Structures are given as structure tokens and as C-alpha cells.
Amino acid sequence: MNTPQPPARAQARLPLGDDLAARYMLQLCKHFEHRRPVTYTDTDGSIGFESGTCTLHAGDGTLTLSLTAPDAAARDRLQDVVARHLLRFAFRDPPDIAWTTLD
């Protein structure tokens, strides 16, 4: 009998300042909302991907990105997609996106 594997998770905390944290969170949500299920407020967002979910929180000058995927390979792909898109918006002063795995 196969035991279901727990989801693979990762998180990145980006100290950007209040204005940029909220701006980039909204830009990511709005960018994906025409192709993916997205919900967002001024401080929180969620983007549903085929391979998992990215939740976002902008607060205290930090943008927190949290990923949940069915396995490590899907999590790694999701990390790449989210990071690449964020870096497109932050090209003037690209943040260092360091993911921490939570599994």
C-alpha cells in the first residue's frame, strides 16, 4: 500500500520596503489572473497553478512567497516560474530570492 506523500513546500522572504512589497505582490497576482485562478487583497494573494499554489503576503516591508506543490519536482518548477516573473517586475533592483524548503 502506498502512503500519500506530504506536499512539498517552500518559502522566500524578500525585504523590499512597504511600497515595493505590496506593488510586486499585486503585479504578480494581476499578471497571472487572466490565465490562473487568483485572489488578492491589498496585502494577501493566492495564485493557483496546475502544479501547485503560491500564496503571497506583503507586510512590514517584506514580501513573503509560500509555495505548496504535490512533490519536490513540481515545487522546484513552481519556484522557477514565480521567481522569473517577479524578477521581470523588479528588473531595476532585482531582489535575491532565496527559497527555503519546508518539508
PDB file of N, CA and C in Angstrom:
ATOM      1  N   MET A   1       0.838  -1.171   0.000  1.00  0.00           N
ATOM      2  CA  MET A   1       0.000   0.000   0.000  1.00  0.00           C
ATOM      3  C   MET A   1       0.891   1.245   0.000  1.00  0.00           C
ATOM      4  N   ASN A   2       0.601   2.172  -0.896  1.00  0.00           N
ATOM      5  CA  ASN A   2       1.358   3.416  -0.971  1.00  0.00           C
ATOM      6  C   ASN A   2       0.780   4.443  -0.008  1.00  0.00           C
ATOM      7  N   THR A   3       1.663   5.024   0.784  1.00  0.00           N
ATOM      8  CA  THR A   3       1.250   6.082   1.685  1.00  0.00           C
ATOM      9  C   THR A   3       1.365   7.406   0.945  1.00  0.00           C
ATOM     10  N   PRO A   4       0.330   8.238   0.995  1.00  0.00           N
ATOM     11  CA  PRO A   4       0.432   9.520   0.292  1.00  0.00           C
ATOM     12  C   PRO A   4       1.572  10.365   0.860  1.00  0.00           C
ATOM     13  N   GLN A   5       2.296  10.991  -0.041  1.00  0.00           N
ATOM     14  CA  GLN A   5       3.401  11.856   0.358  1.00  0.00           C
ATOM     15  C   GLN A   5       2.846  13.218   0.787  1.00  0.00           C
ATOM     16  N   PRO A   6       3.454  13.807   1.799  1.00  0.00           N
ATOM     17  CA  PRO A   6       3.021  15.159   2.177  1.00  0.00           C
ATOM     18  C   PRO A   6       3.401  16.143   1.076  1.00  0.00           C
ATOM     19  N   PRO A   7       2.701  17.250   0.982  1.00  0.00           N
ATOM     20  CA  PRO A   7       3.045  18.218  -0.055  1.00  0.00           C
ATOM     21  C   PRO A   7       4.448  18.784   0.142  1.00  0.00           C
ATOM     22  N   ALA A   8       5.054  19.170  -0.954  1.00  0.00           N
ATOM     23  CA  ALA A   8       6.370  19.815  -0.919  1.00  0.00           C
ATOM     24  C   ALA A   8       6.131  21.322  -0.817  1.00  0.00           C
ATOM     25  N   ARG A   9       6.801  21.957   0.135  1.00  0.00           N
ATOM     26  CA  ARG A   9       6.571  23.382   0.372  1.00  0.00           C
ATOM     27  C   ARG A   9       7.891  24.153   0.389  1.00  0.00           C
ATOM     28  N   ALA A  10       7.800  25.424   0.071  1.00  0.00           N
ATOM     29  CA  ALA A  10       8.961  26.313   0.126  1.00  0.00           C
ATOM     30  C   ALA A  10       8.478  27.726   0.423  1.00  0.00           C
ATOM     31  N   GLN A  11       9.405  28.540   0.927  1.00  0.00           N
ATOM     32  CA  GLN A  11       9.067  29.920   1.242  1.00  0.00           C
ATOM     33  C   GLN A  11      10.277  30.820   0.971  1.00  0.00           C
ATOM     34  N   ALA A  12       9.994  32.029   0.526  1.00  0.00           N
ATOM     35  CA  ALA A  12      11.022  33.056   0.359  1.00  0.00           C
ATOM     36  C   ALA A  12      10.502  34.337   0.988  1.00  0.00           C
ATOM     37  N   ARG A  13      11.351  34.973   1.772  1.00  0.00           N
ATOM     38  CA  ARG A  13      11.007  36.257   2.409  1.00  0.00           C
ATOM     39  C   ARG A  13      11.927  37.318   1.819  1.00  0.00           C
ATOM     40  N   LEU A  14      11.325  38.328   1.178  1.00  0.00           N
ATOM     41  CA  LEU A  14      12.081  39.350   0.472  1.00  0.00           C
ATOM     42  C   LEU A  14      11.875  40.705   1.131  1.00  0.00           C
ATOM     43  N   PRO A  15      12.885  41.220   1.823  1.00  0.00           N
ATOM     44  CA  PRO A  15      12.758  42.556   2.414  1.00  0.00           C
ATOM     45  C   PRO A  15      12.890  43.616   1.319  1.00  0.00           C
ATOM     46  N   LEU A  16      11.778  44.227   0.959  1.00  0.00           N
ATOM     47  CA  LEU A  16      11.747  45.151  -0.177  1.00  0.00           C
ATOM     48  C   LEU A  16      11.329  46.564   0.205  1.00  0.00           C
ATOM     49  N   GLY A  17      10.788  46.748   1.385  1.00  0.00           N
ATOM     50  CA  GLY A  17      10.170  48.016   1.740  1.00  0.00           C
ATOM     51  C   GLY A  17       8.676  47.937   1.494  1.00  0.00           C
ATOM     52  N   ASP A  18       7.919  48.746   2.201  1.00  0.00           N
ATOM     53  CA  ASP A  18       6.456  48.668   2.130  1.00  0.00           C
ATOM     54  C   ASP A  18       5.903  48.857   0.725  1.00  0.00           C
ATOM     55  N   ASP A  19       6.380  49.869   0.017  1.00  0.00           N
ATOM     56  CA  ASP A  19       5.831  50.161  -1.305  1.00  0.00           C
ATOM     57  C   ASP A  19       6.095  49.041  -2.299  1.00  0.00           C
ATOM     58  N   LEU A  20       7.334  48.554  -2.352  1.00  0.00           N
ATOM     59  CA  LEU A  20       7.676  47.524  -3.333  1.00  0.00           C
ATOM     60  C   LEU A  20       7.066  46.177  -2.992  1.00  0.00           C
ATOM     61  N   ALA A  21       7.009  45.813  -1.735  1.00  0.00           N
ATOM     62  CA  ALA A  21       6.425  44.521  -1.355  1.00  0.00           C
ATOM     63  C   ALA A  21       4.981  44.446  -1.837  1.00  0.00           C
ATOM     64  N   ALA A  22       4.199  45.472  -1.548  1.00  0.00           N
ATOM     65  CA  ALA A  22       2.794  45.484  -1.966  1.00  0.00           C
ATOM     66  C   ALA A  22       2.680  45.584  -3.492  1.00  0.00           C
ATOM     67  N   ARG A  23       3.508  46.397  -4.108  1.00  0.00           N
ATOM     68  CA  ARG A  23       3.449  46.573  -5.565  1.00  0.00           C
ATOM     69  C   ARG A  23       3.737  45.267  -6.294  1.00  0.00           C
ATOM     70  N   TYR A  24       4.810  44.590  -5.906  1.00  0.00           N
ATOM     71  CA  TYR A  24       5.163  43.349  -6.593  1.00  0.00           C
ATOM     72  C   TYR A  24       4.147  42.245  -6.331  1.00  0.00           C
ATOM     73  N   MET A  25       3.578  42.207  -5.128  1.00  0.00           N
ATOM     74  CA  MET A  25       2.548  41.212  -4.846  1.00  0.00           C
ATOM     75  C   MET A  25       1.356  41.422  -5.778  1.00  0.00           C
ATOM     76  N   LEU A  26       0.906  42.666  -5.893  1.00  0.00           N
ATOM     77  CA  LEU A  26      -0.229  42.959  -6.769  1.00  0.00           C
ATOM     78  C   LEU A  26       0.113  42.714  -8.230  1.00  0.00           C
ATOM     79  N   GLN A  27       1.321  43.063  -8.650  1.00  0.00           N
ATOM     80  CA  GLN A  27       1.710  42.832 -10.044  1.00  0.00           C
ATOM     81  C   GLN A  27       1.703  41.344 -10.380  1.00  0.00           C
ATOM     82  N   LEU A  28       2.238  40.514  -9.482  1.00  0.00           N
ATOM     83  CA  LEU A  28       2.225  39.070  -9.737  1.00  0.00           C
ATOM     84  C   LEU A  28       0.795  38.549  -9.842  1.00  0.00           C
ATOM     85  N   CYS A  29      -0.057  38.952  -8.907  1.00  0.00           N
ATOM     86  CA  CYS A  29      -1.444  38.480  -8.927  1.00  0.00           C
ATOM     87  C   CYS A  29      -2.165  38.934 -10.198  1.00  0.00           C
ATOM     88  N   LYS A  30      -2.037  40.202 -10.528  1.00  0.00           N
ATOM     89  CA  LYS A  30      -2.721  40.727 -11.713  1.00  0.00           C
ATOM     90  C   LYS A  30      -2.163  40.122 -13.003  1.00  0.00           C
ATOM     91  N   HIS A  31      -0.871  39.850 -13.015  1.00  0.00           N
ATOM     92  CA  HIS A  31      -0.254  39.253 -14.203  1.00  0.00           C
ATOM     93  C   HIS A  31      -0.844  37.874 -14.496  1.00  0.00           C
ATOM     94  N   PHE A  32      -1.032  37.074 -13.446  1.00  0.00           N
ATOM     95  CA  PHE A  32      -1.497  35.705 -13.645  1.00  0.00           C
ATOM     96  C   PHE A  32      -3.020  35.574 -13.683  1.00  0.00           C
ATOM     97  N   GLU A  33      -3.771  36.599 -13.290  1.00  0.00           N
ATOM     98  CA  GLU A  33      -5.209  36.407 -13.121  1.00  0.00           C
ATOM     99  C   GLU A  33      -5.966  36.133 -14.415  1.00  0.00           C
ATOM    100  N   HIS A  34      -5.397  36.476 -15.553  1.00  0.00           N
ATOM    101  CA  HIS A  34      -6.107  36.176 -16.805  1.00  0.00           C
ATOM    102  C   HIS A  34      -5.886  34.733 -17.272  1.00  0.00           C
ATOM    103  N   ARG A  35      -4.955  34.002 -16.612  1.00  0.00           N
ATOM    104  CA  ARG A  35      -4.674  32.619 -17.009  1.00  0.00           C
ATOM    105  C   ARG A  35      -4.869  31.608 -15.887  1.00  0.00           C
ATOM    106  N   ARG A  36      -4.878  32.095 -14.655  1.00  0.00           N
ATOM    107  CA  ARG A  36      -4.901  31.205 -13.488  1.00  0.00           C
ATOM    108  C   ARG A  36      -5.942  31.689 -12.488  1.00  0.00           C
ATOM    109  N   PRO A  37      -6.410  30.784 -11.614  1.00  0.00           N
ATOM    110  CA  PRO A  37      -7.285  31.245 -10.537  1.00  0.00           C
ATOM    111  C   PRO A  37      -6.479  32.074  -9.526  1.00  0.00           C
ATOM    112  N   VAL A  38      -6.893  33.316  -9.341  1.00  0.00           N
ATOM    113  CA  VAL A  38      -6.169  34.249  -8.487  1.00  0.00           C
ATOM    114  C   VAL A  38      -7.158  34.986  -7.586  1.00  0.00           C
ATOM    115  N   THR A  39      -6.755  35.166  -6.339  1.00  0.00           N
ATOM    116  CA  THR A  39      -7.478  36.055  -5.435  1.00  0.00           C
ATOM    117  C   THR A  39      -6.447  36.965  -4.788  1.00  0.00           C
ATOM    118  N   TYR A  40      -6.861  38.201  -4.480  1.00  0.00           N
ATOM    119  CA  TYR A  40      -5.927  39.091  -3.797  1.00  0.00           C
ATOM    120  C   TYR A  40      -6.655  40.247  -3.128  1.00  0.00           C
ATOM    121  N   THR A  41      -5.978  40.770  -2.111  1.00  0.00           N
ATOM    122  CA  THR A  41      -6.371  41.991  -1.429  1.00  0.00           C
ATOM    123  C   THR A  41      -5.168  42.923  -1.519  1.00  0.00           C
ATOM    124  N   ASP A  42      -5.160  43.986  -0.725  1.00  0.00           N
ATOM    125  CA  ASP A  42      -4.012  44.887  -0.730  1.00  0.00           C
ATOM    126  C   ASP A  42      -2.763  44.259  -0.118  1.00  0.00           C
ATOM    127  N   THR A  43      -2.943  43.216   0.704  1.00  0.00           N
ATOM    128  CA  THR A  43      -1.792  42.635   1.405  1.00  0.00           C
ATOM    129  C   THR A  43      -1.592  41.143   1.179  1.00  0.00           C
ATOM    130  N   ASP A  44      -2.592  40.446   0.660  1.00  0.00           N
ATOM    131  CA  ASP A  44      -2.501  38.992   0.523  1.00  0.00           C
ATOM    132  C   ASP A  44      -3.007  38.547  -0.837  1.00  0.00           C
ATOM    133  N   GLY A  45      -2.388  37.477  -1.340  1.00  0.00           N
ATOM    134  CA  GLY A  45      -2.825  36.936  -2.613  1.00  0.00           C
ATOM    135  C   GLY A  45      -2.599  35.444  -2.690  1.00  0.00           C
ATOM    136  N   SER A  46      -3.261  34.828  -3.648  1.00  0.00           N
ATOM    137  CA  SER A  46      -3.106  33.399  -3.903  1.00  0.00           C
ATOM    138  C   SER A  46      -3.222  33.170  -5.399  1.00  0.00           C
ATOM    139  N   ILE A  47      -2.273  32.401  -5.938  1.00  0.00           N
ATOM    140  CA  ILE A  47      -2.266  32.075  -7.365  1.00  0.00           C
ATOM    141  C   ILE A  47      -2.264  30.558  -7.492  1.00  0.00           C
ATOM    142  N   GLY A  48      -3.253  30.026  -8.180  1.00  0.00           N
ATOM    143  CA  GLY A  48      -3.336  28.589  -8.390  1.00  0.00           C
ATOM    144  C   GLY A  48      -2.683  28.208  -9.711  1.00  0.00           C
ATOM    145  N   PHE A  49      -1.726  27.328  -9.640  1.00  0.00           N
ATOM    146  CA  PHE A  49      -1.057  26.812 -10.834  1.00  0.00           C
ATOM    147  C   PHE A  49      -1.446  25.341 -10.994  1.00  0.00           C
ATOM    148  N   GLU A  50      -1.224  24.796 -12.183  1.00  0.00           N
ATOM    149  CA  GLU A  50      -1.503  23.372 -12.387  1.00  0.00           C
ATOM    150  C   GLU A  50      -0.649  22.514 -11.466  1.00  0.00           C
ATOM    151  N   SER A  51       0.542  23.011 -11.140  1.00  0.00           N
ATOM    152  CA  SER A  51       1.477  22.222 -10.336  1.00  0.00           C
ATOM    153  C   SER A  51       1.497  22.603  -8.858  1.00  0.00           C
ATOM    154  N   GLY A  52       0.631  23.510  -8.421  1.00  0.00           N
ATOM    155  CA  GLY A  52       0.617  23.885  -7.012  1.00  0.00           C
ATOM    156  C   GLY A  52       0.038  25.265  -6.803  1.00  0.00           C
ATOM    157  N   THR A  53       0.301  25.818  -5.634  1.00  0.00           N
ATOM    158  CA  THR A  53      -0.251  27.115  -5.245  1.00  0.00           C
ATOM    159  C   THR A  53       0.846  28.011  -4.695  1.00  0.00           C
ATOM    160  N   CYS A  54       0.758  29.288  -5.025  1.00  0.00           N
ATOM    161  CA  CYS A  54       1.640  30.298  -4.453  1.00  0.00           C
ATOM    162  C   CYS A  54       0.766  31.264  -3.665  1.00  0.00           C
ATOM    163  N   THR A  55       1.058  31.412  -2.371  1.00  0.00           N
ATOM    164  CA  THR A  55       0.392  32.439  -1.582  1.00  0.00           C
ATOM    165  C   THR A  55       1.405  33.542  -1.317  1.00  0.00           C
ATOM    166  N   LEU A  56       0.913  34.760  -1.271  1.00  0.00           N
ATOM    167  CA  LEU A  56       1.770  35.932  -1.134  1.00  0.00           C
ATOM    168  C   LEU A  56       1.256  36.795   0.006  1.00  0.00           C
ATOM    169  N   HIS A  57       2.181  37.385   0.731  1.00  0.00           N
ATOM    170  CA  HIS A  57       1.809  38.330   1.780  1.00  0.00           C
ATOM    171  C   HIS A  57       2.798  39.486   1.765  1.00  0.00           C
ATOM    172  N   ALA A  58       2.256  40.709   1.718  1.00  0.00           N
ATOM    173  CA  ALA A  58       3.078  41.918   1.784  1.00  0.00           C
ATOM    174  C   ALA A  58       2.771  42.604   3.110  1.00  0.00           C
ATOM    175  N   GLY A  59       3.774  42.661   3.962  1.00  0.00           N
ATOM    176  CA  GLY A  59       3.593  43.309   5.255  1.00  0.00           C
ATOM    177  C   GLY A  59       4.924  43.582   5.909  1.00  0.00           C
ATOM    178  N   ASP A  60       4.980  44.653   6.686  1.00  0.00           N
ATOM    179  CA  ASP A  60       6.209  45.038   7.386  1.00  0.00           C
ATOM    180  C   ASP A  60       7.393  45.164   6.437  1.00  0.00           C
ATOM    181  N   GLY A  61       7.135  45.628   5.210  1.00  0.00           N
ATOM    182  CA  GLY A  61       8.208  45.838   4.248  1.00  0.00           C
ATOM    183  C   GLY A  61       8.759  44.582   3.604  1.00  0.00           C
ATOM    184  N   THR A  62       8.091  43.453   3.843  1.00  0.00           N
ATOM    185  CA  THR A  62       8.581  42.177   3.325  1.00  0.00           C
ATOM    186  C   THR A  62       7.515  41.515   2.453  1.00  0.00           C
ATOM    187  N   LEU A  63       7.941  40.977   1.331  1.00  0.00           N
ATOM    188  CA  LEU A  63       7.068  40.151   0.502  1.00  0.00           C
ATOM    189  C   LEU A  63       7.411  38.702   0.813  1.00  0.00           C
ATOM    190  N   THR A  64       6.427  37.966   1.309  1.00  0.00           N
ATOM    191  CA  THR A  64       6.609  36.551   1.617  1.00  0.00           C
ATOM    192  C   THR A  64       5.891  35.728   0.560  1.00  0.00           C
ATOM    193  N   LEU A  65       6.633  34.840  -0.081  1.00  0.00           N
ATOM    194  CA  LEU A  65       6.103  33.927  -1.093  1.00  0.00           C
ATOM    195  C   LEU A  65       6.117  32.526  -0.499  1.00  0.00           C
ATOM    196  N   SER A  66       4.974  31.864  -0.492  1.00  0.00           N
ATOM    197  CA  SER A  66       4.883  30.498   0.042  1.00  0.00           C
ATOM    198  C   SER A  66       4.316  29.597  -1.036  1.00  0.00           C
ATOM    199  N   LEU A  67       5.004  28.485  -1.291  1.00  0.00           N
ATOM    200  CA  LEU A  67       4.598  27.554  -2.344  1.00  0.00           C
ATOM    201  C   LEU A  67       4.219  26.214  -1.747  1.00  0.00           C
ATOM    202  N   THR A  68       3.191  25.606  -2.318  1.00  0.00           N
ATOM    203  CA  THR A  68       2.797  24.246  -1.961  1.00  0.00           C
ATOM    204  C   THR A  68       2.571  23.489  -3.265  1.00  0.00           C
ATOM    205  N   ALA A  69       3.214  22.324  -3.390  1.00  0.00           N
ATOM    206  CA  ALA A  69       3.103  21.504  -4.592  1.00  0.00           C
ATOM    207  C   ALA A  69       3.010  20.039  -4.183  1.00  0.00           C
ATOM    208  N   PRO A  70       2.558  19.181  -5.082  1.00  0.00           N
ATOM    209  CA  PRO A  70       2.403  17.771  -4.713  1.00  0.00           C
ATOM    210  C   PRO A  70       3.712  17.024  -4.482  1.00  0.00           C
ATOM    211  N   ASP A  71       4.802  17.507  -5.080  1.00  0.00           N
ATOM    212  CA  ASP A  71       6.093  16.831  -4.899  1.00  0.00           C
ATOM    213  C   ASP A  71       7.226  17.829  -5.110  1.00  0.00           C
ATOM    214  N   ALA A  72       8.438  17.406  -4.815  1.00  0.00           N
ATOM    215  CA  ALA A  72       9.598  18.291  -4.884  1.00  0.00           C
ATOM    216  C   ALA A  72       9.859  18.797  -6.305  1.00  0.00           C
ATOM    217  N   ALA A  73       9.659  17.966  -7.298  1.00  0.00           N
ATOM    218  CA  ALA A  73       9.901  18.396  -8.679  1.00  0.00           C
ATOM    219  C   ALA A  73       8.925  19.505  -9.078  1.00  0.00           C
ATOM    220  N   ALA A  74       7.658  19.350  -8.733  1.00  0.00           N
ATOM    221  CA  ALA A  74       6.666  20.386  -9.030  1.00  0.00           C
ATOM    222  C   ALA A  74       6.970  21.658  -8.252  1.00  0.00           C
ATOM    223  N   ARG A  75       7.400  21.515  -7.002  1.00  0.00           N
ATOM    224  CA  ARG A  75       7.765  22.678  -6.187  1.00  0.00           C
ATOM    225  C   ARG A  75       8.926  23.431  -6.835  1.00  0.00           C
ATOM    226  N   ASP A  76       9.924  22.707  -7.297  1.00  0.00           N
ATOM    227  CA  ASP A  76      11.082  23.338  -7.930  1.00  0.00           C
ATOM    228  C   ASP A  76      10.683  24.097  -9.196  1.00  0.00           C
ATOM    229  N   ARG A  77       9.791  23.516 -10.000  1.00  0.00           N
ATOM    230  CA  ARG A  77       9.312  24.200 -11.210  1.00  0.00           C
ATOM    231  C   ARG A  77       8.533  25.459 -10.835  1.00  0.00           C
ATOM    232  N   LEU A  78       7.714  25.356  -9.799  1.00  0.00           N
ATOM    233  CA  LEU A  78       6.927  26.496  -9.353  1.00  0.00           C
ATOM    234  C   LEU A  78       7.824  27.615  -8.820  1.00  0.00           C
ATOM    235  N   GLN A  79       8.870  27.246  -8.091  1.00  0.00           N
ATOM    236  CA  GLN A  79       9.831  28.246  -7.621  1.00  0.00           C
ATOM    237  C   GLN A  79      10.412  29.010  -8.811  1.00  0.00           C
ATOM    238  N   ASP A  80      10.789  28.301  -9.851  1.00  0.00           N
ATOM    239  CA  ASP A  80      11.377  28.920 -11.028  1.00  0.00           C
ATOM    240  C   ASP A  80      10.390  29.868 -11.711  1.00  0.00           C
ATOM    241  N   VAL A  81       9.149  29.441 -11.887  1.00  0.00           N
ATOM    242  CA  VAL A  81       8.139  30.268 -12.554  1.00  0.00           C
ATOM    243  C   VAL A  81       7.886  31.549 -11.771  1.00  0.00           C
ATOM    244  N   VAL A  82       7.664  31.421 -10.472  1.00  0.00           N
ATOM    245  CA  VAL A  82       7.368  32.595  -9.642  1.00  0.00           C
ATOM    246  C   VAL A  82       8.567  33.547  -9.616  1.00  0.00           C
ATOM    247  N   ALA A  83       9.768  33.014  -9.442  1.00  0.00           N
ATOM    248  CA  ALA A  83      10.969  33.854  -9.383  1.00  0.00           C
ATOM    249  C   ALA A  83      11.199  34.584 -10.705  1.00  0.00           C
ATOM    250  N   ARG A  84      11.077  33.882 -11.824  1.00  0.00           N
ATOM    251  CA  ARG A  84      11.296  34.520 -13.125  1.00  0.00           C
ATOM    252  C   ARG A  84      10.332  35.679 -13.354  1.00  0.00           C
ATOM    253  N   HIS A  85       9.069  35.468 -12.997  1.00  0.00           N
ATOM    254  CA  HIS A  85       8.089  36.534 -13.204  1.00  0.00           C
ATOM    255  C   HIS A  85       8.330  37.707 -12.258  1.00  0.00           C
ATOM    256  N   LEU A  86       8.658  37.426 -11.017  1.00  0.00           N
ATOM    257  CA  LEU A  86       8.949  38.508 -10.077  1.00  0.00           C
ATOM    258  C   LEU A  86      10.150  39.330 -10.553  1.00  0.00           C
ATOM    259  N   LEU A  87      11.167  38.657 -11.035  1.00  0.00           N
ATOM    260  CA  LEU A  87      12.366  39.368 -11.494  1.00  0.00           C
ATOM    261  C   LEU A  87      12.088  40.242 -12.718  1.00  0.00           C
ATOM    262  N   ARG A  88      11.092  39.896 -13.508  1.00  0.00           N
ATOM    263  CA  ARG A  88      10.701  40.753 -14.636  1.00  0.00           C
ATOM    264  C   ARG A  88      10.187  42.100 -14.118  1.00  0.00           C
ATOM    265  N   PHE A  89       9.431  42.073 -13.022  1.00  0.00           N
ATOM    266  CA  PHE A  89       8.884  43.315 -12.466  1.00  0.00           C
ATOM    267  C   PHE A  89       9.943  44.088 -11.697  1.00  0.00           C
ATOM    268  N   ALA A  90      10.905  43.393 -11.137  1.00  0.00           N
ATOM    269  CA  ALA A  90      11.909  44.014 -10.267  1.00  0.00           C
ATOM    270  C   ALA A  90      13.251  44.165 -10.977  1.00  0.00           C
ATOM    271  N   PHE A  91      13.229  44.362 -12.279  1.00  0.00           N
ATOM    272  CA  PHE A  91      14.479  44.380 -13.049  1.00  0.00           C
ATOM    273  C   PHE A  91      15.405  45.525 -12.673  1.00  0.00           C
ATOM    274  N   ARG A  92      14.870  46.635 -12.162  1.00  0.00           N
ATOM    275  CA  ARG A  92      15.738  47.775 -11.806  1.00  0.00           C
ATOM    276  C   ARG A  92      16.615  47.479 -10.588  1.00  0.00           C
ATOM    277  N   ASP A  93      16.058  46.753  -9.658  1.00  0.00           N
ATOM    278  CA  ASP A  93      16.791  46.401  -8.437  1.00  0.00           C
ATOM    279  C   ASP A  93      16.387  44.984  -8.041  1.00  0.00           C
ATOM    280  N   PRO A  94      16.862  43.970  -8.768  1.00  0.00           N
ATOM    281  CA  PRO A  94      16.391  42.599  -8.550  1.00  0.00           C
ATOM    282  C   PRO A  94      16.714  42.087  -7.149  1.00  0.00           C
ATOM    283  N   PRO A  95      15.706  41.556  -6.476  1.00  0.00           N
ATOM    284  CA  PRO A  95      15.949  41.006  -5.141  1.00  0.00           C
ATOM    285  C   PRO A  95      16.621  39.640  -5.231  1.00  0.00           C
ATOM    286  N   ASP A  96      17.306  39.276  -4.172  1.00  0.00           N
ATOM    287  CA  ASP A  96      17.868  37.935  -4.063  1.00  0.00           C
ATOM    288  C   ASP A  96      16.755  37.036  -3.540  1.00  0.00           C
ATOM    289  N   ILE A  97      16.313  36.115  -4.369  1.00  0.00           N
ATOM    290  CA  ILE A  97      15.211  35.222  -3.986  1.00  0.00           C
ATOM    291  C   ILE A  97      15.821  33.909  -3.508  1.00  0.00           C
ATOM    292  N   ALA A  98      15.845  33.738  -2.208  1.00  0.00           N
ATOM    293  CA  ALA A  98      16.409  32.529  -1.606  1.00  0.00           C
ATOM    294  C   ALA A  98      15.259  31.705  -1.021  1.00  0.00           C
ATOM    295  N   TRP A  99      14.984  30.587  -1.637  1.00  0.00           N
ATOM    296  CA  TRP A  99      13.897  29.721  -1.188  1.00  0.00           C
ATOM    297  C   TRP A  99      14.374  28.822  -0.058  1.00  0.00           C
ATOM    298  N   THR A 100      13.514  28.641   0.906  1.00  0.00           N
ATOM    299  CA  THR A 100      13.758  27.698   1.998  1.00  0.00           C
ATOM    300  C   THR A 100      12.708  26.590   1.864  1.00  0.00           C
ATOM    301  N   THR A 101      13.169  25.342   1.770  1.00  0.00           N
ATOM    302  CA  THR A 101      12.214  24.243   1.704  1.00  0.00           C
ATOM    303  C   THR A 101      11.663  23.980   3.103  1.00  0.00           C
ATOM    304  N   LEU A 102      10.382  23.645   3.159  1.00  0.00           N
ATOM    305  CA  LEU A 102       9.700  23.465   4.443  1.00  0.00           C
ATOM    306  C   LEU A 102       9.230  22.026   4.644  1.00  0.00           C
ATOM    307  N   ASP A 103       9.737  21.092   3.858  1.00  0.00           N
ATOM    308  CA  ASP A 103       9.300  19.693   4.022  1.00  0.00           C
ATOM    309  C   ASP A 103      10.327  18.876   4.734  1.00  0.00           C
TER     310      ASP A 103
END
